[in-house]
């Protein structure tokens, strides 16, 4: 069920409608706030909030692209390992012990 969640970032309050579990919402908000603080130290030196938000979005998008690539590579490795294992099982089954 969708609900309204209000959160504060860079001193501004934002409303968000979501049906995500509370635990997920809190994790997402923590990630965004952490990225804003760690990836954009210029915020405290007067970097406009909209620029900080764009830089943070780019940083998170970069992490997403990297994780997506790593997942694809991992999946290919697993599929390759499964194919080799399947071939070995078939070879073993083809030559039953006497």
Protein backbone atom coordinates (compact mmCIF):
# COMPACT_ATOMS: atom_id res chain seq x y z
CA UNK A 1 0.00 0.00 0.00
CA UNK A 2 1.41 3.37 -1.01
CA UNK A 3 2.17 5.84 1.72
CA UNK A 4 3.65 9.32 2.01
CA UNK A 5 7.19 9.52 3.30
CA UNK A 6 8.74 12.90 4.06
CA UNK A 7 12.50 13.22 4.24
CA UNK A 8 15.01 16.02 4.55
CA UNK A 9 18.05 16.48 2.34
CA UNK A 10 20.28 19.54 2.35
CA UNK A 11 17.91 21.34 4.66
CA UNK A 12 14.90 20.88 2.37
CA UNK A 13 11.95 18.60 3.01
CA UNK A 14 10.73 16.35 0.21
CA UNK A 15 7.54 14.27 0.02
CA UNK A 16 7.65 10.86 -1.64
CA UNK A 17 4.88 8.36 -2.23
CA UNK A 18 6.14 4.78 -2.06
CA UNK A 19 5.01 1.25 -1.45
CA UNK A 20 8.54 0.11 -0.60
CA UNK A 21 9.06 -1.49 2.81
CA UNK A 22 10.15 0.92 5.54
CA UNK A 23 13.53 -0.81 5.83
CA UNK A 24 14.18 -0.21 2.10
CA UNK A 25 13.11 3.42 2.33
CA UNK A 26 15.48 4.02 5.25
CA UNK A 27 18.35 2.31 3.44
CA UNK A 28 17.74 4.37 0.28
CA UNK A 29 17.58 7.63 2.21
CA UNK A 30 20.74 6.75 4.12
CA UNK A 31 22.53 5.98 0.84
CA UNK A 32 21.48 9.29 -0.71
CA UNK A 33 22.47 11.31 2.36
CA UNK A 34 25.79 9.49 2.64
CA UNK A 35 26.54 10.06 -1.03
CA UNK A 36 25.71 13.74 -0.71
CA UNK A 37 27.98 14.17 2.27
CA UNK A 38 30.90 11.96 1.19
CA UNK A 39 30.93 12.50 -2.56
CA UNK A 40 30.29 16.23 -2.44
CA UNK A 41 32.36 17.89 0.26
CA UNK A 42 31.76 21.16 -1.61
CA UNK A 43 28.25 21.32 -0.18
CA UNK A 44 29.64 22.85 2.97
CA UNK A 45 31.61 25.33 0.84
CA UNK A 46 28.53 26.69 -0.88
CA UNK A 47 27.97 24.27 -3.75
CA UNK A 48 24.36 24.83 -4.84
CA UNK A 49 22.01 22.03 -3.79
CA UNK A 50 20.89 21.33 -7.36
CA UNK A 51 24.48 20.78 -8.49
CA UNK A 52 25.18 18.57 -5.48
CA UNK A 53 22.07 16.54 -6.32
CA UNK A 54 23.20 16.08 -9.94
CA UNK A 55 26.72 15.06 -8.89
CA UNK A 56 25.27 12.60 -6.38
CA UNK A 57 22.91 11.18 -9.00
CA UNK A 58 25.82 10.69 -11.39
CA UNK A 59 27.84 8.99 -8.65
CA UNK A 60 25.00 6.59 -7.80
CA UNK A 61 24.36 5.94 -11.50
CA UNK A 62 28.06 5.15 -11.96
CA UNK A 63 27.92 2.66 -9.11
CA UNK A 64 24.79 1.09 -10.61
CA UNK A 65 26.43 0.69 -14.04
CA UNK A 66 29.54 -0.88 -12.46
CA UNK A 67 27.44 -3.32 -10.38
CA UNK A 68 25.33 -4.20 -13.41
CA UNK A 69 28.48 -4.99 -15.41
CA UNK A 70 29.95 -7.03 -12.55
CA UNK A 71 26.68 -8.96 -12.21
CA UNK A 72 26.65 -9.74 -15.93
CA UNK A 73 30.25 -10.98 -15.76
CA UNK A 74 29.46 -13.06 -12.66
CA UNK A 75 26.42 -14.57 -14.31
CA UNK A 76 28.44 -15.50 -17.40
CA UNK A 77 31.07 -17.16 -15.19
CA UNK A 78 28.42 -19.15 -13.33
CA UNK A 79 26.74 -20.25 -16.57
CA UNK A 80 30.10 -21.30 -17.99
CA UNK A 81 30.89 -23.28 -14.82
CA UNK A 82 27.48 -24.94 -14.95
CA UNK A 83 28.00 -25.90 -18.60
CA UNK A 84 31.41 -27.47 -17.80
CA UNK A 85 29.95 -29.31 -14.81
CA UNK A 86 27.02 -30.56 -16.89
CA UNK A 87 29.43 -31.83 -19.57
CA UNK A 88 31.49 -33.68 -16.94
CA UNK A 89 28.35 -35.26 -15.50
CA UNK A 90 27.26 -36.38 -18.97
CA UNK A 91 30.72 -37.81 -19.68
CA UNK A 92 30.67 -39.72 -16.41
CA UNK A 93 27.16 -41.02 -17.13
CA UNK A 94 28.19 -42.14 -20.61
CA UNK A 95 30.84 -44.48 -19.20
CA UNK A 96 29.27 -46.42 -16.34
CA UNK A 97 31.62 -48.33 -14.11
CA UNK A 98 31.67 -52.07 -14.64
